[in-house]
Amino acid sequence: MGEPEKIDPLADLRAELLRDLPGDISRVRKAYRRAAQQAALLRDAKDFTAHQAACKAGLGHLESLIKLLRWASGVDGAPENGKAMEGESLDVEKLIREARGALKGM
């Protein structure tokens, strides 16, 4: 009988996150954009304040997903497979800055 195959649950998790997170991030970005655009329709200050808080929560969710993607891809400072997604991380940082700027302008 052969030796049982060693399973690395952390590597399995990273692979699963790398497979699923890009789609998840895209869906969250689209949902955020739709929600942020609704601010133009709000006239009541109370509704606007609640909407702004919801948008900030959405950005926090997006940021958490991006951090997970960075960890899974090894961009968190400890490259897992030697591939750094520098260009993509710069695009993500730009997206976060633009979204925060848009929230401040509301």
PDB file of N, CA and C in Angstrom:
ATOM      1  N   MET A   1       0.825  -1.177   0.000  1.00  0.00           N
ATOM      2  CA  MET A   1       0.000   0.000   0.000  1.00  0.00           C
ATOM      3  C   MET A   1       0.874   1.247   0.000  1.00  0.00           C
ATOM      4  N   GLY A   2       0.454   2.256  -0.723  1.00  0.00           N
ATOM      5  CA  GLY A   2       1.208   3.497  -0.796  1.00  0.00           C
ATOM      6  C   GLY A   2       0.901   4.389   0.388  1.00  0.00           C
ATOM      7  N   GLU A   3       1.758   5.372   0.558  1.00  0.00           N
ATOM      8  CA  GLU A   3       1.541   6.348   1.634  1.00  0.00           C
ATOM      9  C   GLU A   3       0.334   7.205   1.326  1.00  0.00           C
ATOM     10  N   PRO A   4      -0.427   7.563   2.361  1.00  0.00           N
ATOM     11  CA  PRO A   4      -1.559   8.467   2.108  1.00  0.00           C
ATOM     12  C   PRO A   4      -1.046   9.825   1.637  1.00  0.00           C
ATOM     13  N   GLU A   5      -1.762  10.373   0.685  1.00  0.00           N
ATOM     14  CA  GLU A   5      -1.373  11.670   0.135  1.00  0.00           C
ATOM     15  C   GLU A   5      -1.549  12.757   1.192  1.00  0.00           C
ATOM     16  N   LYS A   6      -0.518  13.587   1.323  1.00  0.00           N
ATOM     17  CA  LYS A   6      -0.594  14.692   2.283  1.00  0.00           C
ATOM     18  C   LYS A   6      -1.424  15.818   1.687  1.00  0.00           C
ATOM     19  N   ILE A   7      -2.387  16.268   2.441  1.00  0.00           N
ATOM     20  CA  ILE A   7      -3.264  17.342   1.989  1.00  0.00           C
ATOM     21  C   ILE A   7      -2.923  18.598   2.783  1.00  0.00           C
ATOM     22  N   ASP A   8      -2.691  19.671   2.067  1.00  0.00           N
ATOM     23  CA  ASP A   8      -2.407  20.948   2.706  1.00  0.00           C
ATOM     24  C   ASP A   8      -3.678  21.788   2.647  1.00  0.00           C
ATOM     25  N   PRO A   9      -4.426  21.872   3.773  1.00  0.00           N
ATOM     26  CA  PRO A   9      -5.682  22.621   3.737  1.00  0.00           C
ATOM     27  C   PRO A   9      -5.490  24.096   3.400  1.00  0.00           C
ATOM     28  N   LEU A  10      -4.370  24.665   3.786  1.00  0.00           N
ATOM     29  CA  LEU A  10      -4.116  26.071   3.482  1.00  0.00           C
ATOM     30  C   LEU A  10      -3.918  26.276   1.979  1.00  0.00           C
ATOM     31  N   ALA A  11      -3.204  25.372   1.350  1.00  0.00           N
ATOM     32  CA  ALA A  11      -3.017  25.466  -0.103  1.00  0.00           C
ATOM     33  C   ALA A  11      -4.345  25.270  -0.822  1.00  0.00           C
ATOM     34  N   ASP A  12      -5.167  24.356  -0.313  1.00  0.00           N
ATOM     35  CA  ASP A  12      -6.492  24.153  -0.905  1.00  0.00           C
ATOM     36  C   ASP A  12      -7.340  25.423  -0.778  1.00  0.00           C
ATOM     37  N   LEU A  13      -7.279  26.068   0.391  1.00  0.00           N
ATOM     38  CA  LEU A  13      -8.033  27.300   0.607  1.00  0.00           C
ATOM     39  C   LEU A  13      -7.557  28.396  -0.335  1.00  0.00           C
ATOM     40  N   ARG A  14      -6.233  28.537  -0.464  1.00  0.00           N
ATOM     41  CA  ARG A  14      -5.693  29.557  -1.376  1.00  0.00           C
ATOM     42  C   ARG A  14      -6.171  29.316  -2.807  1.00  0.00           C
ATOM     43  N   ALA A  15      -6.126  28.055  -3.229  1.00  0.00           N
ATOM     44  CA  ALA A  15      -6.553  27.732  -4.593  1.00  0.00           C
ATOM     45  C   ALA A  15      -8.038  28.044  -4.792  1.00  0.00           C
ATOM     46  N   GLU A  16      -8.845  27.718  -3.799  1.00  0.00           N
ATOM     47  CA  GLU A  16     -10.282  28.002  -3.889  1.00  0.00           C
ATOM     48  C   GLU A  16     -10.543  29.504  -3.941  1.00  0.00           C
ATOM     49  N   LEU A  17      -9.835  30.265  -3.101  1.00  0.00           N
ATOM     50  CA  LEU A  17     -10.011  31.716  -3.102  1.00  0.00           C
ATOM     51  C   LEU A  17      -9.555  32.330  -4.418  1.00  0.00           C
ATOM     52  N   LEU A  18      -8.438  31.859  -4.955  1.00  0.00           N
ATOM     53  CA  LEU A  18      -7.946  32.375  -6.229  1.00  0.00           C
ATOM     54  C   LEU A  18      -8.933  32.093  -7.358  1.00  0.00           C
ATOM     55  N   ARG A  19      -9.650  30.985  -7.247  1.00  0.00           N
ATOM     56  CA  ARG A  19     -10.635  30.640  -8.264  1.00  0.00           C
ATOM     57  C   ARG A  19     -11.900  31.499  -8.135  1.00  0.00           C
ATOM     58  N   ASP A  20     -12.363  31.719  -6.905  1.00  0.00           N
ATOM     59  CA  ASP A  20     -13.669  32.347  -6.689  1.00  0.00           C
ATOM     60  C   ASP A  20     -13.642  33.868  -6.496  1.00  0.00           C
ATOM     61  N   LEU A  21     -12.591  34.397  -5.885  1.00  0.00           N
ATOM     62  CA  LEU A  21     -12.597  35.808  -5.509  1.00  0.00           C
ATOM     63  C   LEU A  21     -12.684  36.797  -6.666  1.00  0.00           C
ATOM     64  N   PRO A  22     -12.029  36.578  -7.792  1.00  0.00           N
ATOM     65  CA  PRO A  22     -12.181  37.573  -8.864  1.00  0.00           C
ATOM     66  C   PRO A  22     -13.638  37.800  -9.257  1.00  0.00           C
ATOM     67  N   GLY A  23     -14.408  36.741  -9.370  1.00  0.00           N
ATOM     68  CA  GLY A  23     -15.829  36.882  -9.687  1.00  0.00           C
ATOM     69  C   GLY A  23     -16.597  37.554  -8.566  1.00  0.00           C
ATOM     70  N   ASP A  24     -16.262  37.187  -7.321  1.00  0.00           N
ATOM     71  CA  ASP A  24     -16.923  37.806  -6.169  1.00  0.00           C
ATOM     72  C   ASP A  24     -16.651  39.312  -6.126  1.00  0.00           C
ATOM     73  N   ILE A  25     -15.404  39.677  -6.349  1.00  0.00           N
ATOM     74  CA  ILE A  25     -15.021  41.093  -6.329  1.00  0.00           C
ATOM     75  C   ILE A  25     -15.749  41.853  -7.429  1.00  0.00           C
ATOM     76  N   SER A  26     -15.849  41.261  -8.587  1.00  0.00           N
ATOM     77  CA  SER A  26     -16.554  41.907  -9.692  1.00  0.00           C
ATOM     78  C   SER A  26     -18.027  42.137  -9.340  1.00  0.00           C
ATOM     79  N   ARG A  27     -18.673  41.149  -8.740  1.00  0.00           N
ATOM     80  CA  ARG A  27     -20.083  41.303  -8.351  1.00  0.00           C
ATOM     81  C   ARG A  27     -20.255  42.389  -7.289  1.00  0.00           C
ATOM     82  N   VAL A  28     -19.336  42.437  -6.322  1.00  0.00           N
ATOM     83  CA  VAL A  28     -19.426  43.451  -5.268  1.00  0.00           C
ATOM     84  C   VAL A  28     -19.210  44.843  -5.853  1.00  0.00           C
ATOM     85  N   ARG A  29     -18.265  44.979  -6.777  1.00  0.00           N
ATOM     86  CA  ARG A  29     -18.028  46.277  -7.425  1.00  0.00           C
ATOM     87  C   ARG A  29     -19.272  46.751  -8.161  1.00  0.00           C
ATOM     88  N   LYS A  30     -19.906  45.847  -8.899  1.00  0.00           N
ATOM     89  CA  LYS A  30     -21.115  46.223  -9.651  1.00  0.00           C
ATOM     90  C   LYS A  30     -22.236  46.616  -8.700  1.00  0.00           C
ATOM     91  N   ALA A  31     -22.399  45.866  -7.621  1.00  0.00           N
ATOM     92  CA  ALA A  31     -23.443  46.185  -6.639  1.00  0.00           C
ATOM     93  C   ALA A  31     -23.158  47.536  -5.985  1.00  0.00           C
ATOM     94  N   TYR A  32     -21.885  47.790  -5.680  1.00  0.00           N
ATOM     95  CA  TYR A  32     -21.510  49.075  -5.072  1.00  0.00           C
ATOM     96  C   TYR A  32     -21.832  50.222  -6.021  1.00  0.00           C
ATOM     97  N   ARG A  33     -21.478  50.065  -7.282  1.00  0.00           N
ATOM     98  CA  ARG A  33     -21.746  51.127  -8.263  1.00  0.00           C
ATOM     99  C   ARG A  33     -23.240  51.428  -8.348  1.00  0.00           C
ATOM    100  N   ARG A  34     -24.056  50.362  -8.401  1.00  0.00           N
ATOM    101  CA  ARG A  34     -25.511  50.571  -8.466  1.00  0.00           C
ATOM    102  C   ARG A  34     -25.997  51.312  -7.221  1.00  0.00           C
ATOM    103  N   ALA A  35     -25.517  50.880  -6.067  1.00  0.00           N
ATOM    104  CA  ALA A  35     -25.950  51.514  -4.813  1.00  0.00           C
ATOM    105  C   ALA A  35     -25.482  52.967  -4.738  1.00  0.00           C
ATOM    106  N   ALA A  36     -24.248  53.222  -5.136  1.00  0.00           N
ATOM    107  CA  ALA A  36     -23.717  54.584  -5.066  1.00  0.00           C
ATOM    108  C   ALA A  36     -24.480  55.520  -5.997  1.00  0.00           C
ATOM    109  N   GLN A  37     -24.920  55.027  -7.123  1.00  0.00           N
ATOM    110  CA  GLN A  37     -25.658  55.866  -8.070  1.00  0.00           C
ATOM    111  C   GLN A  37     -27.032  56.264  -7.535  1.00  0.00           C
ATOM    112  N   GLN A  38     -27.570  55.501  -6.627  1.00  0.00           N
ATOM    113  CA  GLN A  38     -28.883  55.812  -6.066  1.00  0.00           C
ATOM    114  C   GLN A  38     -28.858  57.062  -5.196  1.00  0.00           C
ATOM    115  N   ALA A  39     -27.689  57.500  -4.778  1.00  0.00           N
ATOM    116  CA  ALA A  39     -27.588  58.687  -3.919  1.00  0.00           C
ATOM    117  C   ALA A  39     -28.180  59.914  -4.597  1.00  0.00           C
ATOM    118  N   ALA A  40     -28.088  59.982  -5.908  1.00  0.00           N
ATOM    119  CA  ALA A  40     -28.617  61.137  -6.632  1.00  0.00           C
ATOM    120  C   ALA A  40     -30.134  61.257  -6.487  1.00  0.00           C
ATOM    121  N   LEU A  41     -30.785  60.160  -6.159  1.00  0.00           N
ATOM    122  CA  LEU A  41     -32.248  60.163  -6.041  1.00  0.00           C
ATOM    123  C   LEU A  41     -32.727  60.530  -4.637  1.00  0.00           C
ATOM    124  N   LEU A  42     -31.800  60.562  -3.683  1.00  0.00           N
ATOM    125  CA  LEU A  42     -32.186  60.801  -2.299  1.00  0.00           C
ATOM    126  C   LEU A  42     -32.264  62.299  -2.005  1.00  0.00           C
ATOM    127  N   ARG A  43     -33.348  62.712  -1.421  1.00  0.00           N
ATOM    128  CA  ARG A  43     -33.535  64.120  -1.084  1.00  0.00           C
ATOM    129  C   ARG A  43     -33.532  64.342   0.426  1.00  0.00           C
ATOM    130  N   ASP A  44     -33.925  63.352   1.167  1.00  0.00           N
ATOM    131  CA  ASP A  44     -34.022  63.450   2.622  1.00  0.00           C
ATOM    132  C   ASP A  44     -32.642  63.221   3.242  1.00  0.00           C
ATOM    133  N   ALA A  45     -32.236  64.101   4.156  1.00  0.00           N
ATOM    134  CA  ALA A  45     -30.901  64.011   4.770  1.00  0.00           C
ATOM    135  C   ALA A  45     -30.719  62.698   5.530  1.00  0.00           C
ATOM    136  N   LYS A  46     -31.760  62.253   6.207  1.00  0.00           N
ATOM    137  CA  LYS A  46     -31.671  61.004   6.969  1.00  0.00           C
ATOM    138  C   LYS A  46     -31.439  59.817   6.030  1.00  0.00           C
ATOM    139  N   ASP A  47     -32.164  59.784   4.928  1.00  0.00           N
ATOM    140  CA  ASP A  47     -31.985  58.708   3.954  1.00  0.00           C
ATOM    141  C   ASP A  47     -30.594  58.764   3.333  1.00  0.00           C
ATOM    142  N   PHE A  48     -30.151  59.970   3.039  1.00  0.00           N
ATOM    143  CA  PHE A  48     -28.827  60.127   2.441  1.00  0.00           C
ATOM    144  C   PHE A  48     -27.743  59.639   3.389  1.00  0.00           C
ATOM    145  N   THR A  49     -27.852  59.979   4.680  1.00  0.00           N
ATOM    146  CA  THR A  49     -26.866  59.554   5.670  1.00  0.00           C
ATOM    147  C   THR A  49     -26.845  58.029   5.784  1.00  0.00           C
ATOM    148  N   ALA A  50     -28.005  57.415   5.803  1.00  0.00           N
ATOM    149  CA  ALA A  50     -28.078  55.953   5.860  1.00  0.00           C
ATOM    150  C   ALA A  50     -27.475  55.334   4.600  1.00  0.00           C
ATOM    151  N   HIS A  51     -27.744  55.956   3.459  1.00  0.00           N
ATOM    152  CA  HIS A  51     -27.199  55.464   2.197  1.00  0.00           C
ATOM    153  C   HIS A  51     -25.678  55.571   2.182  1.00  0.00           C
ATOM    154  N   GLN A  52     -25.160  56.683   2.677  1.00  0.00           N
ATOM    155  CA  GLN A  52     -23.710  56.869   2.720  1.00  0.00           C
ATOM    156  C   GLN A  52     -23.068  55.824   3.629  1.00  0.00           C
ATOM    157  N   ALA A  53     -23.690  55.525   4.768  1.00  0.00           N
ATOM    158  CA  ALA A  53     -23.165  54.497   5.670  1.00  0.00           C
ATOM    159  C   ALA A  53     -23.175  53.132   4.983  1.00  0.00           C
ATOM    160  N   ALA A  54     -24.218  52.844   4.217  1.00  0.00           N
ATOM    161  CA  ALA A  54     -24.285  51.574   3.493  1.00  0.00           C
ATOM    162  C   ALA A  54     -23.178  51.490   2.435  1.00  0.00           C
ATOM    163  N   CYS A  55     -22.909  52.609   1.758  1.00  0.00           N
ATOM    164  CA  CYS A  55     -21.834  52.630   0.765  1.00  0.00           C
ATOM    165  C   CYS A  55     -20.480  52.388   1.422  1.00  0.00           C
ATOM    166  N   LYS A  56     -20.257  52.980   2.581  1.00  0.00           N
ATOM    167  CA  LYS A  56     -19.000  52.764   3.295  1.00  0.00           C
ATOM    168  C   LYS A  56     -18.860  51.305   3.702  1.00  0.00           C
ATOM    169  N   ALA A  57     -19.952  50.692   4.122  1.00  0.00           N
ATOM    170  CA  ALA A  57     -19.917  49.268   4.466  1.00  0.00           C
ATOM    171  C   ALA A  57     -19.593  48.434   3.226  1.00  0.00           C
ATOM    172  N   GLY A  58     -20.148  48.824   2.088  1.00  0.00           N
ATOM    173  CA  GLY A  58     -19.852  48.126   0.844  1.00  0.00           C
ATOM    174  C   GLY A  58     -18.383  48.218   0.476  1.00  0.00           C
ATOM    175  N   LEU A  59     -17.796  49.399   0.673  1.00  0.00           N
ATOM    176  CA  LEU A  59     -16.360  49.554   0.409  1.00  0.00           C
ATOM    177  C   LEU A  59     -15.535  48.691   1.353  1.00  0.00           C
ATOM    178  N   GLY A  60     -15.963  48.605   2.607  1.00  0.00           N
ATOM    179  CA  GLY A  60     -15.263  47.749   3.566  1.00  0.00           C
ATOM    180  C   GLY A  60     -15.309  46.290   3.137  1.00  0.00           C
ATOM    181  N   HIS A  61     -16.442  45.860   2.624  1.00  0.00           N
ATOM    182  CA  HIS A  61     -16.588  44.496   2.129  1.00  0.00           C
ATOM    183  C   HIS A  61     -15.658  44.261   0.942  1.00  0.00           C
ATOM    184  N   LEU A  62     -15.647  45.206   0.023  1.00  0.00           N
ATOM    185  CA  LEU A  62     -14.781  45.098  -1.147  1.00  0.00           C
ATOM    186  C   LEU A  62     -13.313  45.048  -0.730  1.00  0.00           C
ATOM    187  N   GLU A  63     -12.942  45.894   0.203  1.00  0.00           N
ATOM    188  CA  GLU A  63     -11.558  45.927   0.672  1.00  0.00           C
ATOM    189  C   GLU A  63     -11.165  44.600   1.322  1.00  0.00           C
ATOM    190  N   SER A  64     -12.071  44.003   2.078  1.00  0.00           N
ATOM    191  CA  SER A  64     -11.793  42.704   2.710  1.00  0.00           C
ATOM    192  C   SER A  64     -11.584  41.608   1.666  1.00  0.00           C
ATOM    193  N   LEU A  65     -12.404  41.621   0.627  1.00  0.00           N
ATOM    194  CA  LEU A  65     -12.243  40.633  -0.440  1.00  0.00           C
ATOM    195  C   LEU A  65     -10.894  40.811  -1.143  1.00  0.00           C
ATOM    196  N   ILE A  66     -10.497  42.065  -1.348  1.00  0.00           N
ATOM    197  CA  ILE A  66      -9.215  42.334  -1.998  1.00  0.00           C
ATOM    198  C   ILE A  66      -8.055  41.857  -1.121  1.00  0.00           C
ATOM    199  N   LYS A  67      -8.164  42.073   0.174  1.00  0.00           N
ATOM    200  CA  LYS A  67      -7.119  41.597   1.087  1.00  0.00           C
ATOM    201  C   LYS A  67      -7.021  40.076   1.055  1.00  0.00           C
ATOM    202  N   LEU A  68      -8.155  39.401   0.992  1.00  0.00           N
ATOM    203  CA  LEU A  68      -8.143  37.943   0.880  1.00  0.00           C
ATOM    204  C   LEU A  68      -7.471  37.502  -0.410  1.00  0.00           C
ATOM    205  N   LEU A  69      -7.773  38.202  -1.503  1.00  0.00           N
ATOM    206  CA  LEU A  69      -7.159  37.867  -2.785  1.00  0.00           C
ATOM    207  C   LEU A  69      -5.649  38.069  -2.730  1.00  0.00           C
ATOM    208  N   ARG A  70      -5.216  39.149  -2.105  1.00  0.00           N
ATOM    209  CA  ARG A  70      -3.779  39.388  -1.968  1.00  0.00           C
ATOM    210  C   ARG A  70      -3.119  38.261  -1.172  1.00  0.00           C
ATOM    211  N   TRP A  71      -3.756  37.869  -0.078  1.00  0.00           N
ATOM    212  CA  TRP A  71      -3.200  36.789   0.735  1.00  0.00           C
ATOM    213  C   TRP A  71      -3.135  35.494  -0.076  1.00  0.00           C
ATOM    214  N   ALA A  72      -4.216  35.182  -0.764  1.00  0.00           N
ATOM    215  CA  ALA A  72      -4.270  33.937  -1.519  1.00  0.00           C
ATOM    216  C   ALA A  72      -3.250  33.904  -2.649  1.00  0.00           C
ATOM    217  N   SER A  73      -2.957  35.068  -3.223  1.00  0.00           N
ATOM    218  CA  SER A  73      -2.017  35.119  -4.341  1.00  0.00           C
ATOM    219  C   SER A  73      -0.578  35.335  -3.891  1.00  0.00           C
ATOM    220  N   GLY A  74      -0.382  35.546  -2.588  1.00  0.00           N
ATOM    221  CA  GLY A  74       0.973  35.736  -2.088  1.00  0.00           C
ATOM    222  C   GLY A  74       1.458  37.159  -2.195  1.00  0.00           C
ATOM    223  N   VAL A  75       0.580  38.101  -2.507  1.00  0.00           N
ATOM    224  CA  VAL A  75       0.975  39.500  -2.666  1.00  0.00           C
ATOM    225  C   VAL A  75       1.078  40.189  -1.317  1.00  0.00           C
ATOM    226  N   ASP A  76       0.786  39.489  -0.250  1.00  0.00           N
ATOM    227  CA  ASP A  76       0.788  40.092   1.088  1.00  0.00           C
ATOM    228  C   ASP A  76       2.190  40.224   1.666  1.00  0.00           C
ATOM    229  N   GLY A  77       3.199  40.140   0.814  1.00  0.00           N
ATOM    230  CA  GLY A  77       4.565  40.299   1.306  1.00  0.00           C
ATOM    231  C   GLY A  77       5.318  38.986   1.381  1.00  0.00           C
ATOM    232  N   ALA A  78       4.618  37.879   1.230  1.00  0.00           N
ATOM    233  CA  ALA A  78       5.245  36.561   1.257  1.00  0.00           C
ATOM    234  C   ALA A  78       4.770  35.793   0.028  1.00  0.00           C
ATOM    235  N   PRO A  79       5.398  36.029  -1.121  1.00  0.00           N
ATOM    236  CA  PRO A  79       4.930  35.399  -2.349  1.00  0.00           C
ATOM    237  C   PRO A  79       4.870  33.889  -2.214  1.00  0.00           C
ATOM    238  N   GLU A  80       3.722  33.338  -2.520  1.00  0.00           N
ATOM    239  CA  GLU A  80       3.496  31.902  -2.428  1.00  0.00           C
ATOM    240  C   GLU A  80       4.113  31.182  -3.617  1.00  0.00           C
ATOM    241  N   ASN A  81       3.971  31.761  -4.786  1.00  0.00           N
ATOM    242  CA  ASN A  81       4.428  31.070  -5.987  1.00  0.00           C
ATOM    243  C   ASN A  81       5.351  31.936  -6.838  1.00  0.00           C
ATOM    244  N   GLY A  82       5.858  33.007  -6.266  1.00  0.00           N
ATOM    245  CA  GLY A  82       6.792  33.860  -6.981  1.00  0.00           C
ATOM    246  C   GLY A  82       6.142  34.846  -7.929  1.00  0.00           C
ATOM    247  N   LYS A  83       4.836  34.806  -8.056  1.00  0.00           N
ATOM    248  CA  LYS A  83       4.136  35.727  -8.953  1.00  0.00           C
ATOM    249  C   LYS A  83       3.585  36.886  -8.146  1.00  0.00           C
ATOM    250  N   ALA A  84       3.979  38.067  -8.478  1.00  0.00           N
ATOM    251  CA  ALA A  84       3.423  39.258  -7.818  1.00  0.00           C
ATOM    252  C   ALA A  84       2.451  39.913  -8.782  1.00  0.00           C
ATOM    253  N   MET A  85       1.318  40.290  -8.280  1.00  0.00           N
ATOM    254  CA  MET A  85       0.298  40.920  -9.111  1.00  0.00           C
ATOM    255  C   MET A  85       0.391  42.427  -8.940  1.00  0.00           C
ATOM    256  N   GLU A  86       1.576  42.992  -9.185  1.00  0.00           N
ATOM    257  CA  GLU A  86       1.803  44.404  -8.915  1.00  0.00           C
ATOM    258  C   GLU A  86       0.863  45.302  -9.697  1.00  0.00           C
ATOM    259  N   GLY A  87       0.721  45.083 -10.977  1.00  0.00           N
ATOM    260  CA  GLY A  87      -0.157  45.915 -11.791  1.00  0.00           C
ATOM    261  C   GLY A  87      -1.590  45.846 -11.317  1.00  0.00           C
ATOM    262  N   GLU A  88      -2.042  44.640 -10.986  1.00  0.00           N
ATOM    263  CA  GLU A  88      -3.411  44.480 -10.513  1.00  0.00           C
ATOM    264  C   GLU A  88      -3.606  45.147  -9.158  1.00  0.00           C
ATOM    265  N   SER A  89      -2.611  45.042  -8.279  1.00  0.00           N
ATOM    266  CA  SER A  89      -2.777  45.646  -6.956  1.00  0.00           C
ATOM    267  C   SER A  89      -2.808  47.165  -7.063  1.00  0.00           C
ATOM    268  N   LEU A  90      -2.065  47.734  -8.022  1.00  0.00           N
ATOM    269  CA  LEU A  90      -2.118  49.180  -8.222  1.00  0.00           C
ATOM    270  C   LEU A  90      -3.498  49.593  -8.724  1.00  0.00           C
ATOM    271  N   ASP A  91      -4.082  48.792  -9.610  1.00  0.00           N
ATOM    272  CA  ASP A  91      -5.427  49.083 -10.103  1.00  0.00           C
ATOM    273  C   ASP A  91      -6.442  49.019  -8.971  1.00  0.00           C
ATOM    274  N   VAL A  92      -6.284  48.052  -8.091  1.00  0.00           N
ATOM    275  CA  VAL A  92      -7.204  47.897  -6.962  1.00  0.00           C
ATOM    276  C   VAL A  92      -7.069  49.086  -6.020  1.00  0.00           C
ATOM    277  N   GLU A  93      -5.836  49.500  -5.751  1.00  0.00           N
ATOM    278  CA  GLU A  93      -5.620  50.659  -4.885  1.00  0.00           C
ATOM    279  C   GLU A  93      -6.265  51.898  -5.494  1.00  0.00           C
ATOM    280  N   LYS A  94      -6.140  52.064  -6.806  1.00  0.00           N
ATOM    281  CA  LYS A  94      -6.743  53.207  -7.481  1.00  0.00           C
ATOM    282  C   LYS A  94      -8.260  53.151  -7.352  1.00  0.00           C
ATOM    283  N   LEU A  95      -8.833  51.966  -7.529  1.00  0.00           N
ATOM    284  CA  LEU A  95     -10.282  51.801  -7.393  1.00  0.00           C
ATOM    285  C   LEU A  95     -10.757  52.190  -5.994  1.00  0.00           C
ATOM    286  N   ILE A  96     -10.030  51.757  -4.982  1.00  0.00           N
ATOM    287  CA  ILE A  96     -10.405  52.071  -3.603  1.00  0.00           C
ATOM    288  C   ILE A  96     -10.305  53.573  -3.355  1.00  0.00           C
ATOM    289  N   ARG A  97      -9.227  54.214  -3.834  1.00  0.00           N
ATOM    290  CA  ARG A  97      -9.079  55.661  -3.661  1.00  0.00           C
ATOM    291  C   ARG A  97     -10.210  56.418  -4.342  1.00  0.00           C
ATOM    292  N   GLU A  98     -10.550  56.010  -5.566  1.00  0.00           N
ATOM    293  CA  GLU A  98     -11.617  56.689  -6.301  1.00  0.00           C
ATOM    294  C   GLU A  98     -12.963  56.519  -5.584  1.00  0.00           C
ATOM    295  N   ALA A  99     -13.223  55.331  -5.093  1.00  0.00           N
ATOM    296  CA  ALA A  99     -14.493  55.087  -4.406  1.00  0.00           C
ATOM    297  C   ALA A  99     -14.573  55.900  -3.124  1.00  0.00           C
ATOM    298  N   ARG A 100     -13.479  55.956  -2.390  1.00  0.00           N
ATOM    299  CA  ARG A 100     -13.472  56.768  -1.149  1.00  0.00           C
ATOM    300  C   ARG A 100     -13.658  58.243  -1.481  1.00  0.00           C
ATOM    301  N   GLY A 101     -13.016  58.704  -2.544  1.00  0.00           N
ATOM    302  CA  GLY A 101     -13.177  60.095  -2.962  1.00  0.00           C
ATOM    303  C   GLY A 101     -14.613  60.400  -3.346  1.00  0.00           C
ATOM    304  N   ALA A 102     -15.256  59.453  -4.027  1.00  0.00           N
ATOM    305  CA  ALA A 102     -16.648  59.638  -4.419  1.00  0.00           C
ATOM    306  C   ALA A 102     -17.543  59.723  -3.190  1.00  0.00           C
ATOM    307  N   LEU A 103     -17.240  58.913  -2.185  1.00  0.00           N
ATOM    308  CA  LEU A 103     -18.041  58.952  -0.953  1.00  0.00           C
ATOM    309  C   LEU A 103     -17.878  60.288  -0.250  1.00  0.00           C
ATOM    310  N   LYS A 104     -16.671  60.813  -0.227  1.00  0.00           N
ATOM    311  CA  LYS A 104     -16.434  62.098   0.436  1.00  0.00           C
ATOM    312  C   LYS A 104     -17.162  63.225  -0.279  1.00  0.00           C
ATOM    313  N   GLY A 105     -17.311  63.091  -1.586  1.00  0.00           N
ATOM    314  CA  GLY A 105     -17.969  64.122  -2.385  1.00  0.00           C
ATOM    315  C   GLY A 105     -19.487  64.066  -2.308  1.00  0.00           C
ATOM    316  N   MET A 106     -20.032  63.028  -1.706  1.00  0.00           N
ATOM    317  CA  MET A 106     -21.508  62.894  -1.631  1.00  0.00           C
ATOM    318  C   MET A 106     -22.113  63.900  -0.708  1.00  0.00           C
TER     319      MET A 106
END
